PDB file of N, CA and C in Angstrom:
ATOM      1  N   THR A   1      14.188 -43.091 -51.061  1.00  0.00           N
ATOM      2  CA  THR A   1      14.172 -41.816 -51.749  1.00  0.00           C
ATOM      3  C   THR A   1      14.019 -42.056 -53.236  1.00  0.00           C
ATOM      4  N   ARG A   2      13.112 -41.333 -53.835  1.00  0.00           N
ATOM      5  CA  ARG A   2      12.907 -41.420 -55.278  1.00  0.00           C
ATOM      6  C   ARG A   2      13.476 -40.184 -55.943  1.00  0.00           C
ATOM      7  N   VAL A   3      14.071 -40.391 -57.066  1.00  0.00           N
ATOM      8  CA  VAL A   3      14.611 -39.292 -57.857  1.00  0.00           C
ATOM      9  C   VAL A   3      13.877 -39.286 -59.188  1.00  0.00           C
ATOM     10  N   TYR A   4      13.342 -38.132 -59.550  1.00  0.00           N
ATOM     11  CA  TYR A   4      12.630 -37.992 -60.807  1.00  0.00           C
ATOM     12  C   TYR A   4      13.436 -37.085 -61.724  1.00  0.00           C
ATOM     13  N   PHE A   5      13.526 -37.448 -62.962  1.00  0.00           N
ATOM     14  CA  PHE A   5      14.192 -36.623 -63.952  1.00  0.00           C
ATOM     15  C   PHE A   5      13.137 -35.991 -64.841  1.00  0.00           C
ATOM     16  N   VAL A   6      13.201 -34.704 -64.962  1.00  0.00           N
ATOM     17  CA  VAL A   6      12.241 -33.966 -65.766  1.00  0.00           C
ATOM     18  C   VAL A   6      12.978 -33.410 -66.978  1.00  0.00           C
ATOM     19  N   PRO A   7      12.451 -33.649 -68.167  1.00  0.00           N
ATOM     20  CA  PRO A   7      13.130 -33.109 -69.344  1.00  0.00           C
ATOM     21  C   PRO A   7      13.094 -31.583 -69.327  1.00  0.00           C
ATOM     22  N   THR A   8      14.177 -30.989 -69.723  1.00  0.00           N
ATOM     23  CA  THR A   8      14.232 -29.532 -69.824  1.00  0.00           C
ATOM     24  C   THR A   8      14.381 -29.153 -71.288  1.00  0.00           C
ATOM     25  N   TYR A   9      13.895 -28.000 -71.596  1.00  0.00           N
ATOM     26  CA  TYR A   9      13.948 -27.523 -72.967  1.00  0.00           C
ATOM     27  C   TYR A   9      14.698 -26.197 -72.986  1.00  0.00           C
ATOM     28  N   PRO A  10      15.522 -25.998 -73.975  1.00  0.00           N
ATOM     29  CA  PRO A  10      16.274 -24.735 -74.018  1.00  0.00           C
ATOM     30  C   PRO A  10      15.326 -23.545 -74.218  1.00  0.00           C
ATOM     31  N   ILE A  11      15.670 -22.430 -73.601  1.00  0.00           N
ATOM     32  CA  ILE A  11      14.895 -21.207 -73.738  1.00  0.00           C
ATOM     33  C   ILE A  11      15.577 -20.347 -74.798  1.00  0.00           C
ATOM     34  N   SER A  12      14.808 -19.880 -75.756  1.00  0.00           N
ATOM     35  CA  SER A  12      15.385 -19.056 -76.815  1.00  0.00           C
ATOM     36  C   SER A  12      15.900 -17.743 -76.230  1.00  0.00           C
ATOM     37  N   GLU A  13      16.829 -17.134 -76.924  1.00  0.00           N
ATOM     38  CA  GLU A  13      17.374 -15.845 -76.480  1.00  0.00           C
ATOM     39  C   GLU A  13      16.261 -14.793 -76.398  1.00  0.00           C
ATOM     40  N   GLU A  14      15.319 -14.843 -77.328  1.00  0.00           N
ATOM     41  CA  GLU A  14      14.213 -13.884 -77.333  1.00  0.00           C
ATOM     42  C   GLU A  14      13.377 -14.015 -76.062  1.00  0.00           C
ATOM     43  N   ILE A  15      12.993 -15.244 -75.727  1.00  0.00           N
ATOM     44  CA  ILE A  15      12.181 -15.473 -74.520  1.00  0.00           C
ATOM     45  C   ILE A  15      12.990 -15.140 -73.272  1.00  0.00           C
ATOM     46  N   TRP A  16      14.255 -15.508 -73.242  1.00  0.00           N
ATOM     47  CA  TRP A  16      15.108 -15.203 -72.086  1.00  0.00           C
ATOM     48  C   TRP A  16      15.175 -13.700 -71.865  1.00  0.00           C
ATOM     49  N   GLY A  17      15.310 -12.933 -72.953  1.00  0.00           N
ATOM     50  CA  GLY A  17      15.338 -11.475 -72.851  1.00  0.00           C
ATOM     51  C   GLY A  17      14.036 -10.920 -72.296  1.00  0.00           C
ATOM     52  N   LEU A  18      12.915 -11.482 -72.731  1.00  0.00           N
ATOM     53  CA  LEU A  18      11.613 -11.047 -72.226  1.00  0.00           C
ATOM     54  C   LEU A  18      11.467 -11.344 -70.741  1.00  0.00           C
ATOM     55  N   LEU A  19      11.898 -12.520 -70.328  1.00  0.00           N
ATOM     56  CA  LEU A  19      11.828 -12.891 -68.910  1.00  0.00           C
ATOM     57  C   LEU A  19      12.666 -11.947 -68.055  1.00  0.00           C
ATOM     58  N   LYS A  20      13.862 -11.625 -68.525  1.00  0.00           N
ATOM     59  CA  LYS A  20      14.739 -10.708 -67.781  1.00  0.00           C
ATOM     60  C   LYS A  20      14.137  -9.304 -67.710  1.00  0.00           C
ATOM     61  N   ALA A  21      13.335  -8.937 -68.707  1.00  0.00           N
ATOM     62  CA  ALA A  21      12.693  -7.619 -68.721  1.00  0.00           C
ATOM     63  C   ALA A  21      11.430  -7.576 -67.861  1.00  0.00           C
ATOM     64  N   GLY A  22      11.050  -8.700 -67.263  1.00  0.00           N
ATOM     65  CA  GLY A  22       9.902  -8.724 -66.366  1.00  0.00           C
ATOM     66  C   GLY A  22       8.613  -9.201 -66.989  1.00  0.00           C
ATOM     67  N   VAL A  23       8.673  -9.722 -68.200  1.00  0.00           N
ATOM     68  CA  VAL A  23       7.468 -10.234 -68.856  1.00  0.00           C
ATOM     69  C   VAL A  23       7.034 -11.519 -68.163  1.00  0.00           C
ATOM     70  N   THR A  24       5.743 -11.650 -67.928  1.00  0.00           N
ATOM     71  CA  THR A  24       5.189 -12.869 -67.342  1.00  0.00           C
ATOM     72  C   THR A  24       4.017 -13.337 -68.208  1.00  0.00           C
ATOM     73  N   ARG A  25       3.543 -14.535 -67.943  1.00  0.00           N
ATOM     74  CA  ARG A  25       2.376 -15.060 -68.661  1.00  0.00           C
ATOM     75  C   ARG A  25       1.080 -14.468 -68.127  1.00  0.00           C
ATOM     76  N   ASN A  26       1.129 -13.885 -66.961  1.00  0.00           N
ATOM     77  CA  ASN A  26      -0.060 -13.374 -66.297  1.00  0.00           C
ATOM     78  C   ASN A  26      -0.273 -11.908 -66.670  1.00  0.00           C
ATOM     79  N   LEU A  27      -1.419 -11.602 -67.254  1.00  0.00           N
ATOM     80  CA  LEU A  27      -1.733 -10.240 -67.665  1.00  0.00           C
ATOM     81  C   LEU A  27      -2.726  -9.596 -66.709  1.00  0.00           C
ATOM     82  N   TYR A  28      -2.440  -8.354 -66.361  1.00  0.00           N
ATOM     83  CA  TYR A  28      -3.335  -7.511 -65.572  1.00  0.00           C
ATOM     84  C   TYR A  28      -4.161  -6.703 -66.562  1.00  0.00           C
ATOM     85  N   ILE A  29      -5.470  -6.708 -66.425  1.00  0.00           N
ATOM     86  CA  ILE A  29      -6.342  -5.924 -67.279  1.00  0.00           C
ATOM     87  C   ILE A  29      -7.075  -4.937 -66.383  1.00  0.00           C
ATOM     88  N   GLY A  30      -6.810  -3.659 -66.585  1.00  0.00           N
ATOM     89  CA  GLY A  30      -7.403  -2.621 -65.763  1.00  0.00           C
ATOM     90  C   GLY A  30      -8.396  -1.783 -66.543  1.00  0.00           C
ATOM     91  N   ASN A  31      -9.186  -1.019 -65.796  1.00  0.00           N
ATOM     92  CA  ASN A  31     -10.152  -0.083 -66.360  1.00  0.00           C
ATOM     93  C   ASN A  31     -11.307  -0.808 -67.057  1.00  0.00           C
ATOM     94  N   ILE A  32     -11.701  -1.954 -66.523  1.00  0.00           N
ATOM     95  CA  ILE A  32     -12.810  -2.692 -67.133  1.00  0.00           C
ATOM     96  C   ILE A  32     -14.138  -2.222 -66.539  1.00  0.00           C
ATOM     97  N   ASN A  33     -15.205  -2.467 -67.266  1.00  0.00           N
ATOM     98  CA  ASN A  33     -16.538  -2.134 -66.756  1.00  0.00           C
ATOM     99  C   ASN A  33     -17.398  -3.395 -66.727  1.00  0.00           C
ATOM    100  N   GLN A  34     -18.674  -3.230 -66.438  1.00  0.00           N
ATOM    101  CA  GLN A  34     -19.583  -4.374 -66.270  1.00  0.00           C
ATOM    102  C   GLN A  34     -19.701  -5.252 -67.517  1.00  0.00           C
ATOM    103  N   SER A  35     -19.339  -4.714 -68.685  1.00  0.00           N
ATOM    104  CA  SER A  35     -19.421  -5.486 -69.930  1.00  0.00           C
ATOM    105  C   SER A  35     -18.350  -6.569 -70.016  1.00  0.00           C
ATOM    106  N   PHE A  36     -17.314  -6.468 -69.203  1.00  0.00           N
ATOM    107  CA  PHE A  36     -16.203  -7.417 -69.261  1.00  0.00           C
ATOM    108  C   PHE A  36     -16.442  -8.600 -68.328  1.00  0.00           C
ATOM    109  N   SER A  37     -17.303  -9.485 -68.752  1.00  0.00           N
ATOM    110  CA  SER A  37     -17.546 -10.715 -68.001  1.00  0.00           C
ATOM    111  C   SER A  37     -16.394 -11.684 -68.291  1.00  0.00           C
ATOM    112  N   GLU A  38     -16.364 -12.772 -67.567  1.00  0.00           N
ATOM    113  CA  GLU A  38     -15.356 -13.800 -67.829  1.00  0.00           C
ATOM    114  C   GLU A  38     -15.497 -14.310 -69.269  1.00  0.00           C
ATOM    115  N   GLU A  39     -16.718 -14.481 -69.709  1.00  0.00           N
ATOM    116  CA  GLU A  39     -16.947 -14.958 -71.071  1.00  0.00           C
ATOM    117  C   GLU A  39     -16.451 -13.959 -72.118  1.00  0.00           C
ATOM    118  N   ALA A  40     -16.698 -12.661 -71.887  1.00  0.00           N
ATOM    119  CA  ALA A  40     -16.218 -11.635 -72.816  1.00  0.00           C
ATOM    120  C   ALA A  40     -14.693 -11.643 -72.886  1.00  0.00           C
ATOM    121  N   LEU A  41     -14.040 -11.744 -71.736  1.00  0.00           N
ATOM    122  CA  LEU A  41     -12.572 -11.791 -71.713  1.00  0.00           C
ATOM    123  C   LEU A  41     -12.053 -13.057 -72.381  1.00  0.00           C
ATOM    124  N   ARG A  42     -12.751 -14.153 -72.187  1.00  0.00           N
ATOM    125  CA  ARG A  42     -12.380 -15.415 -72.835  1.00  0.00           C
ATOM    126  C   ARG A  42     -12.404 -15.238 -74.360  1.00  0.00           C
ATOM    127  N   ASN A  43     -13.454 -14.610 -74.872  1.00  0.00           N
ATOM    128  CA  ASN A  43     -13.567 -14.382 -76.309  1.00  0.00           C
ATOM    129  C   ASN A  43     -12.485 -13.433 -76.826  1.00  0.00           C
ATOM    130  N   ILE A  44     -12.201 -12.392 -76.066  1.00  0.00           N
ATOM    131  CA  ILE A  44     -11.195 -11.406 -76.477  1.00  0.00           C
ATOM    132  C   ILE A  44      -9.806 -12.028 -76.506  1.00  0.00           C
ATOM    133  N   PHE A  45      -9.402 -12.704 -75.429  1.00  0.00           N
ATOM    134  CA  PHE A  45      -8.024 -13.189 -75.312  1.00  0.00           C
ATOM    135  C   PHE A  45      -7.770 -14.489 -76.055  1.00  0.00           C
ATOM    136  N   SER A  46      -8.799 -15.225 -76.395  1.00  0.00           N
ATOM    137  CA  SER A  46      -8.576 -16.473 -77.138  1.00  0.00           C
ATOM    138  C   SER A  46      -8.005 -16.212 -78.529  1.00  0.00           C
ATOM    139  N   ALA A  47      -8.154 -15.002 -79.037  1.00  0.00           N
ATOM    140  CA  ALA A  47      -7.579 -14.648 -80.341  1.00  0.00           C
ATOM    141  C   ALA A  47      -6.053 -14.567 -80.290  1.00  0.00           C
ATOM    142  N   TYR A  48      -5.470 -14.490 -79.097  1.00  0.00           N
ATOM    143  CA  TYR A  48      -4.022 -14.300 -78.951  1.00  0.00           C
ATOM    144  C   TYR A  48      -3.305 -15.531 -78.404  1.00  0.00           C
ATOM    145  N   GLY A  49      -4.038 -16.568 -78.116  1.00  0.00           N
ATOM    146  CA  GLY A  49      -3.426 -17.796 -77.627  1.00  0.00           C
ATOM    147  C   GLY A  49      -4.271 -18.439 -76.550  1.00  0.00           C
ATOM    148  N   GLU A  50      -3.786 -19.558 -76.064  1.00  0.00           N
ATOM    149  CA  GLU A  50      -4.499 -20.279 -75.007  1.00  0.00           C
ATOM    150  C   GLU A  50      -4.190 -19.655 -73.651  1.00  0.00           C
ATOM    151  N   PHE A  51      -5.093 -19.868 -72.710  1.00  0.00           N
ATOM    152  CA  PHE A  51      -4.888 -19.347 -71.369  1.00  0.00           C
ATOM    153  C   PHE A  51      -5.290 -20.397 -70.344  1.00  0.00           C
ATOM    154  N   ASP A  52      -4.711 -20.276 -69.147  1.00  0.00           N
ATOM    155  CA  ASP A  52      -5.001 -21.196 -68.052  1.00  0.00           C
ATOM    156  C   ASP A  52      -6.211 -20.762 -67.247  1.00  0.00           C
ATOM    157  N   SER A  53      -6.305 -19.454 -67.000  1.00  0.00           N
ATOM    158  CA  SER A  53      -7.373 -18.984 -66.124  1.00  0.00           C
ATOM    159  C   SER A  53      -7.687 -17.518 -66.387  1.00  0.00           C
ATOM    160  N   ILE A  54      -8.889 -17.138 -65.965  1.00  0.00           N
ATOM    161  CA  ILE A  54      -9.331 -15.749 -66.005  1.00  0.00           C
ATOM    162  C   ILE A  54      -9.967 -15.452 -64.654  1.00  0.00           C
ATOM    163  N   ILE A  55      -9.546 -14.371 -64.046  1.00  0.00           N
ATOM    164  CA  ILE A  55     -10.121 -13.936 -62.773  1.00  0.00           C
ATOM    165  C   ILE A  55     -10.619 -12.514 -62.968  1.00  0.00           C
ATOM    166  N   VAL A  56     -11.893 -12.285 -62.689  1.00  0.00           N
ATOM    167  CA  VAL A  56     -12.488 -10.959 -62.815  1.00  0.00           C
ATOM    168  C   VAL A  56     -12.802 -10.447 -61.417  1.00  0.00           C
ATOM    169  N   LEU A  57     -12.283  -9.273 -61.080  1.00  0.00           N
ATOM    170  CA  LEU A  57     -12.563  -8.615 -59.802  1.00  0.00           C
ATOM    171  C   LEU A  57     -13.317  -7.327 -60.122  1.00  0.00           C
ATOM    172  N   MET A  58     -14.590  -7.464 -60.399  1.00  0.00           N
ATOM    173  CA  MET A  58     -15.385  -6.334 -60.874  1.00  0.00           C
ATOM    174  C   MET A  58     -15.435  -5.200 -59.861  1.00  0.00           C
ATOM    175  N   HIS A  59     -15.436  -5.510 -58.561  1.00  0.00           N
ATOM    176  CA  HIS A  59     -15.488  -4.451 -57.554  1.00  0.00           C
ATOM    177  C   HIS A  59     -14.242  -3.564 -57.605  1.00  0.00           C
ATOM    178  N   LYS A  60     -13.144  -4.081 -58.187  1.00  0.00           N
ATOM    179  CA  LYS A  60     -11.922  -3.279 -58.360  1.00  0.00           C
ATOM    180  C   LYS A  60     -11.730  -2.839 -59.808  1.00  0.00           C
ATOM    181  N   LYS A  61     -12.633  -3.278 -60.684  1.00  0.00           N
ATOM    182  CA  LYS A  61     -12.586  -2.969 -62.111  1.00  0.00           C
ATOM    183  C   LYS A  61     -11.301  -3.468 -62.760  1.00  0.00           C
ATOM    184  N   ILE A  62     -10.876  -4.677 -62.335  1.00  0.00           N
ATOM    185  CA  ILE A  62      -9.680  -5.296 -62.907  1.00  0.00           C
ATOM    186  C   ILE A  62      -9.936  -6.781 -63.175  1.00  0.00           C
ATOM    187  N   ALA A  63      -9.056  -7.349 -63.973  1.00  0.00           N
ATOM    188  CA  ALA A  63      -9.104  -8.784 -64.238  1.00  0.00           C
ATOM    189  C   ALA A  63      -7.681  -9.275 -64.458  1.00  0.00           C
ATOM    190  N   PHE A  64      -7.502 -10.588 -64.365  1.00  0.00           N
ATOM    191  CA  PHE A  64      -6.222 -11.216 -64.637  1.00  0.00           C
ATOM    192  C   PHE A  64      -6.456 -12.361 -65.607  1.00  0.00           C
ATOM    193  N   VAL A  65      -5.644 -12.421 -66.640  1.00  0.00           N
ATOM    194  CA  VAL A  65      -5.712 -13.504 -67.614  1.00  0.00           C
ATOM    195  C   VAL A  65      -4.339 -14.157 -67.617  1.00  0.00           C
ATOM    196  N   ASN A  66      -4.293 -15.432 -67.257  1.00  0.00           N
ATOM    197  CA  ASN A  66      -3.032 -16.169 -67.207  1.00  0.00           C
ATOM    198  C   ASN A  66      -2.898 -16.970 -68.503  1.00  0.00           C
ATOM    199  N   MET A  67      -2.065 -16.474 -69.404  1.00  0.00           N
ATOM    200  CA  MET A  67      -1.849 -17.128 -70.691  1.00  0.00           C
ATOM    201  C   MET A  67      -0.959 -18.358 -70.492  1.00  0.00           C
ATOM    202  N   THR A  68      -0.980 -19.285 -71.443  1.00  0.00           N
ATOM    203  CA  THR A  68      -0.174 -20.500 -71.305  1.00  0.00           C
ATOM    204  C   THR A  68       1.261 -20.314 -71.782  1.00  0.00           C
ATOM    205  N   SER A  69       1.546 -19.215 -72.473  1.00  0.00           N
ATOM    206  CA  SER A  69       2.921 -18.993 -72.933  1.00  0.00           C
ATOM    207  C   SER A  69       3.280 -17.514 -72.848  1.00  0.00           C
ATOM    208  N   ILE A  70       4.565 -17.267 -72.747  1.00  0.00           N
ATOM    209  CA  ILE A  70       5.080 -15.898 -72.754  1.00  0.00           C
ATOM    210  C   ILE A  70       4.690 -15.215 -74.062  1.00  0.00           C
ATOM    211  N   GLN A  71       4.844 -15.936 -75.173  1.00  0.00           N
ATOM    212  CA  GLN A  71       4.563 -15.362 -76.489  1.00  0.00           C
ATOM    213  C   GLN A  71       3.102 -14.923 -76.600  1.00  0.00           C
ATOM    214  N   ALA A  72       2.176 -15.719 -76.087  1.00  0.00           N
ATOM    215  CA  ALA A  72       0.761 -15.355 -76.116  1.00  0.00           C
ATOM    216  C   ALA A  72       0.504 -14.107 -75.275  1.00  0.00           C
ATOM    217  N   ALA A  73       1.166 -13.993 -74.129  1.00  0.00           N
ATOM    218  CA  ALA A  73       1.003 -12.820 -73.271  1.00  0.00           C
ATOM    219  C   ALA A  73       1.533 -11.571 -73.960  1.00  0.00           C
ATOM    220  N   VAL A  74       2.694 -11.684 -74.592  1.00  0.00           N
ATOM    221  CA  VAL A  74       3.275 -10.541 -75.304  1.00  0.00           C
ATOM    222  C   VAL A  74       2.354 -10.095 -76.432  1.00  0.00           C
ATOM    223  N   THR A  75       1.852 -11.047 -77.196  1.00  0.00           N
ATOM    224  CA  THR A  75       0.963 -10.737 -78.316  1.00  0.00           C
ATOM    225  C   THR A  75      -0.333 -10.096 -77.828  1.00  0.00           C
ATOM    226  N   GLY A  76      -0.937 -10.657 -76.797  1.00  0.00           N
ATOM    227  CA  GLY A  76      -2.177 -10.115 -76.251  1.00  0.00           C
ATOM    228  C   GLY A  76      -2.006  -8.722 -75.690  1.00  0.00           C
ATOM    229  N   ARG A  77      -0.926  -8.495 -74.944  1.00  0.00           N
ATOM    230  CA  ARG A  77      -0.676  -7.173 -74.380  1.00  0.00           C
ATOM    231  C   ARG A  77      -0.442  -6.148 -75.479  1.00  0.00           C
ATOM    232  N   SER A  78       0.378  -6.504 -76.461  1.00  0.00           N
ATOM    233  CA  SER A  78       0.675  -5.582 -77.561  1.00  0.00           C
ATOM    234  C   SER A  78      -0.585  -5.200 -78.330  1.00  0.00           C
ATOM    235  N   ALA A  79      -1.461  -6.167 -78.522  1.00  0.00           N
ATOM    236  CA  ALA A  79      -2.668  -5.923 -79.309  1.00  0.00           C
ATOM    237  C   ALA A  79      -3.741  -5.157 -78.543  1.00  0.00           C
ATOM    238  N   LEU A  80      -3.820  -5.324 -77.227  1.00  0.00           N
ATOM    239  CA  LEU A  80      -4.967  -4.811 -76.484  1.00  0.00           C
ATOM    240  C   LEU A  80      -4.693  -3.616 -75.570  1.00  0.00           C
ATOM    241  N   ASN A  81      -3.439  -3.368 -75.204  1.00  0.00           N
ATOM    242  CA  ASN A  81      -3.153  -2.260 -74.293  1.00  0.00           C
ATOM    243  C   ASN A  81      -3.512  -0.932 -74.959  1.00  0.00           C
ATOM    244  N   GLY A  82      -4.388  -0.159 -74.304  1.00  0.00           N
ATOM    245  CA  GLY A  82      -4.793   1.141 -74.820  1.00  0.00           C
ATOM    246  C   GLY A  82      -5.950   1.104 -75.802  1.00  0.00           C
ATOM    247  N   VAL A  83      -6.451  -0.080 -76.120  1.00  0.00           N
ATOM    248  CA  VAL A  83      -7.552  -0.220 -77.066  1.00  0.00           C
ATOM    249  C   VAL A  83      -8.867   0.129 -76.373  1.00  0.00           C
ATOM    250  N   GLU A  84      -9.724   0.865 -77.077  1.00  0.00           N
ATOM    251  CA  GLU A  84     -11.039   1.174 -76.527  1.00  0.00           C
ATOM    252  C   GLU A  84     -12.000   0.044 -76.877  1.00  0.00           C
ATOM    253  N   MET A  85     -12.673  -0.446 -75.846  1.00  0.00           N
ATOM    254  CA  MET A  85     -13.581  -1.577 -76.008  1.00  0.00           C
ATOM    255  C   MET A  85     -14.699  -1.448 -74.983  1.00  0.00           C
ATOM    256  N   TYR A  86     -15.924  -1.694 -75.376  1.00  0.00           N
ATOM    257  CA  TYR A  86     -17.090  -1.598 -74.490  1.00  0.00           C
ATOM    258  C   TYR A  86     -17.142  -0.248 -73.767  1.00  0.00           C
ATOM    259  N   GLY A  87     -16.728   0.813 -74.451  1.00  0.00           N
ATOM    260  CA  GLY A  87     -16.823   2.152 -73.889  1.00  0.00           C
ATOM    261  C   GLY A  87     -15.741   2.530 -72.900  1.00  0.00           C
ATOM    262  N   THR A  88     -14.650   1.770 -72.840  1.00  0.00           N
ATOM    263  CA  THR A  88     -13.546   2.098 -71.935  1.00  0.00           C
ATOM    264  C   THR A  88     -12.218   1.749 -72.603  1.00  0.00           C
ATOM    265  N   ARG A  89     -11.161   2.451 -72.207  1.00  0.00           N
ATOM    266  CA  ARG A  89      -9.829   2.189 -72.756  1.00  0.00           C
ATOM    267  C   ARG A  89      -9.108   1.200 -71.830  1.00  0.00           C
ATOM    268  N   LEU A  90      -8.757   0.043 -72.376  1.00  0.00           N
ATOM    269  CA  LEU A  90      -8.121  -1.012 -71.584  1.00  0.00           C
ATOM    270  C   LEU A  90      -6.688  -0.661 -71.197  1.00  0.00           C
ATOM    271  N   VAL A  91      -6.319  -1.094 -70.015  1.00  0.00           N
ATOM    272  CA  VAL A  91      -4.929  -1.046 -69.561  1.00  0.00           C
ATOM    273  C   VAL A  91      -4.495  -2.500 -69.399  1.00  0.00           C
ATOM    274  N   VAL A  92      -3.534  -2.932 -70.203  1.00  0.00           N
ATOM    275  CA  VAL A  92      -3.064  -4.317 -70.143  1.00  0.00           C
ATOM    276  C   VAL A  92      -1.570  -4.294 -69.863  1.00  0.00           C
ATOM    277  N   ASN A  93      -1.173  -4.876 -68.746  1.00  0.00           N
ATOM    278  CA  ASN A  93       0.230  -4.944 -68.344  1.00  0.00           C
ATOM    279  C   ASN A  93       0.551  -6.340 -67.849  1.00  0.00           C
ATOM    280  N   TYR A  94       1.835  -6.595 -67.657  1.00  0.00           N
ATOM    281  CA  TYR A  94       2.265  -7.873 -67.106  1.00  0.00           C
ATOM    282  C   TYR A  94       2.078  -7.839 -65.598  1.00  0.00           C
ATOM    283  N   ALA A  95       1.452  -8.863 -65.074  1.00  0.00           N
ATOM    284  CA  ALA A  95       1.226  -8.964 -63.639  1.00  0.00           C
ATOM    285  C   ALA A  95       2.270  -9.888 -63.030  1.00  0.00           C
ATOM    286  N   LYS A  96       2.234 -10.008 -61.732  1.00  0.00           N
ATOM    287  CA  LYS A  96       3.136 -10.924 -61.047  1.00  0.00           C
ATOM    288  C   LYS A  96       2.778 -12.355 -61.414  1.00  0.00           C
ATOM    289  N   GLU A  97       3.767 -13.166 -61.587  1.00  0.00           N
ATOM    290  CA  GLU A  97       3.579 -14.587 -61.883  1.00  0.00           C
ATOM    291  C   GLU A  97       3.744 -15.337 -60.574  1.00  0.00           C
ATOM    292  N   LYS A  98       2.744 -16.076 -60.157  1.00  0.00           N
ATOM    293  CA  LYS A  98       2.828 -16.805 -58.894  1.00  0.00           C
ATOM    294  C   LYS A  98       3.404 -18.186 -59.135  1.00  0.00           C
ATOM    295  N   ILE A  99       4.446 -18.497 -58.384  1.00  0.00           N
ATOM    296  CA  ILE A  99       5.083 -19.806 -58.438  1.00  0.00           C
ATOM    297  C   ILE A  99       5.134 -20.309 -57.005  1.00  0.00           C
ATOM    298  N   GLY A 100       4.274 -21.261 -56.691  1.00  0.00           N
ATOM    299  CA  GLY A 100       4.210 -21.753 -55.315  1.00  0.00           C
ATOM    300  C   GLY A 100       3.735 -20.635 -54.403  1.00  0.00           C
ATOM    301  N   GLN A 101       4.492 -20.344 -53.365  1.00  0.00           N
ATOM    302  CA  GLN A 101       4.148 -19.303 -52.410  1.00  0.00           C
ATOM    303  C   GLN A 101       4.711 -17.949 -52.793  1.00  0.00           C
ATOM    304  N   PHE A 102       5.433 -17.869 -53.908  1.00  0.00           N
ATOM    305  CA  PHE A 102       6.129 -16.645 -54.266  1.00  0.00           C
ATOM    306  C   PHE A 102       5.517 -15.992 -55.494  1.00  0.00           C
ATOM    307  N   ALA A 103       5.653 -14.690 -55.584  1.00  0.00           N
ATOM    308  CA  ALA A 103       5.223 -13.950 -56.766  1.00  0.00           C
ATOM    309  C   ALA A 103       6.465 -13.345 -57.399  1.00  0.00           C
ATOM    310  N   VAL A 104       6.621 -13.525 -58.701  1.00  0.00           N
ATOM    311  CA  VAL A 104       7.767 -12.965 -59.403  1.00  0.00           C
ATOM    312  C   VAL A 104       7.261 -12.192 -60.605  1.00  0.00           C
ATOM    313  N   GLY A 105       8.013 -11.198 -61.008  1.00  0.00           N
ATOM    314  CA  GLY A 105       7.618 -10.457 -62.195  1.00  0.00           C
ATOM    315  C   GLY A 105       8.084  -9.027 -62.152  1.00  0.00           C
ATOM    316  N   ALA A 106       7.634  -8.272 -63.132  1.00  0.00           N
ATOM    317  CA  ALA A 106       8.095  -6.903 -63.312  1.00  0.00           C
ATOM    318  C   ALA A 106       7.811  -6.032 -62.097  1.00  0.00           C
ATOM    319  N   SER A 107       6.705  -6.252 -61.434  1.00  0.00           N
ATOM    320  CA  SER A 107       6.313  -5.370 -60.337  1.00  0.00           C
ATOM    321  C   SER A 107       6.588  -5.960 -58.961  1.00  0.00           C
ATOM    322  N   SER A 108       7.325  -7.053 -58.887  1.00  0.00           N
ATOM    323  CA  SER A 108       7.548  -7.632 -57.561  1.00  0.00           C
ATOM    324  C   SER A 108       9.029  -7.807 -57.286  1.00  0.00           C
ATOM    325  N   ASN A 109       9.497  -7.133 -56.263  1.00  0.00           N
ATOM    326  CA  ASN A 109      10.858  -7.367 -55.809  1.00  0.00           C
ATOM    327  C   ASN A 109      10.883  -7.691 -54.317  1.00  0.00           C
ATOM    328  N   LEU A 110       9.703  -7.828 -53.734  1.00  0.00           N
ATOM    329  CA  LEU A 110       9.600  -8.209 -52.332  1.00  0.00           C
ATOM    330  C   LEU A 110       8.955  -9.580 -52.276  1.00  0.00           C
ATOM    331  N   LYS A 111       9.663 -10.535 -51.736  1.00  0.00           N
ATOM    332  CA  LYS A 111       9.172 -11.901 -51.649  1.00  0.00           C
ATOM    333  C   LYS A 111       8.862 -12.228 -50.190  1.00  0.00           C
ATOM    334  N   THR A 112       7.806 -12.948 -49.958  1.00  0.00           N
ATOM    335  CA  THR A 112       7.457 -13.387 -48.614  1.00  0.00           C
ATOM    336  C   THR A 112       7.578 -14.904 -48.558  1.00  0.00           C
ATOM    337  N   SER A 113       8.387 -15.382 -47.632  1.00  0.00           N
ATOM    338  CA  SER A 113       8.573 -16.822 -47.492  1.00  0.00           C
ATOM    339  C   SER A 113       7.420 -17.401 -46.694  1.00  0.00           C
ATOM    340  N   LYS A 114       7.362 -18.728 -46.631  1.00  0.00           N
ATOM    341  CA  LYS A 114       6.300 -19.388 -45.871  1.00  0.00           C
ATOM    342  C   LYS A 114       6.324 -18.986 -44.400  1.00  0.00           C
ATOM    343  N   SER A 115       7.515 -18.649 -43.896  1.00  0.00           N
ATOM    344  CA  SER A 115       7.617 -18.272 -42.491  1.00  0.00           C
ATOM    345  C   SER A 115       7.194 -16.820 -42.259  1.00  0.00           C
ATOM    346  N   GLY A 116       6.890 -16.094 -43.357  1.00  0.00           N
ATOM    347  CA  GLY A 116       6.442 -14.722 -43.214  1.00  0.00           C
ATOM    348  C   GLY A 116       7.558 -13.698 -43.313  1.00  0.00           C
ATOM    349  N   GLN A 117       8.799 -14.151 -43.489  1.00  0.00           N
ATOM    350  CA  GLN A 117       9.917 -13.212 -43.603  1.00  0.00           C
ATOM    351  C   GLN A 117       9.965 -12.633 -45.010  1.00  0.00           C
ATOM    352  N   ASN A 118      10.255 -11.348 -45.118  1.00  0.00           N
ATOM    353  CA  ASN A 118      10.345 -10.687 -46.413  1.00  0.00           C
ATOM    354  C   ASN A 118      11.788 -10.617 -46.865  1.00  0.00           C
ATOM    355  N   THR A 119      12.008 -10.813 -48.138  1.00  0.00           N
ATOM    356  CA  THR A 119      13.334 -10.722 -48.728  1.00  0.00           C
ATOM    357  C   THR A 119      13.235  -9.856 -49.956  1.00  0.00           C
ATOM    358  N   ILE A 120      14.120  -8.878 -50.082  1.00  0.00           N
ATOM    359  CA  ILE A 120      14.140  -8.037 -51.275  1.00  0.00           C
ATOM    360  C   ILE A 120      15.072  -8.686 -52.285  1.00  0.00           C
ATOM    361  N   VAL A 121      14.567  -8.875 -53.494  1.00  0.00           N
ATOM    362  CA  VAL A 121      15.319  -9.505 -54.552  1.00  0.00           C
ATOM    363  C   VAL A 121      15.631  -8.460 -55.602  1.00  0.00           C
ATOM    364  N   SER A 122      16.894  -8.335 -55.968  1.00  0.00           N
ATOM    365  CA  SER A 122      17.241  -7.339 -56.989  1.00  0.00           C
ATOM    366  C   SER A 122      17.588  -7.975 -58.290  1.00  0.00           C
TER     367      SER A 122
END
């Protein structure tokens, strides 16, 4: 058996408060149109910090931008939610944060385990 030690870093009170309020690094972008390509979103969100991924679901007129930090997500959401761009008013909210097989965040209180059982988390 191998044991690995991973360094941990303290979480500031500000970030802890944001996490408890349901803030995640993953942003939901709604009300997008054909002008919002992955490249356009990359250009828009790079002004607010680094990101891990961008997923565009044009058939649903939504996208997801996974920022690398909570602070970048907060800054991006604050700056862009309700802003008119490319002829449409953006809706930017915190999406569920996926960790392994589970989704956590402001809009998720139902968790599904690998066995398919649902658990309500309060």
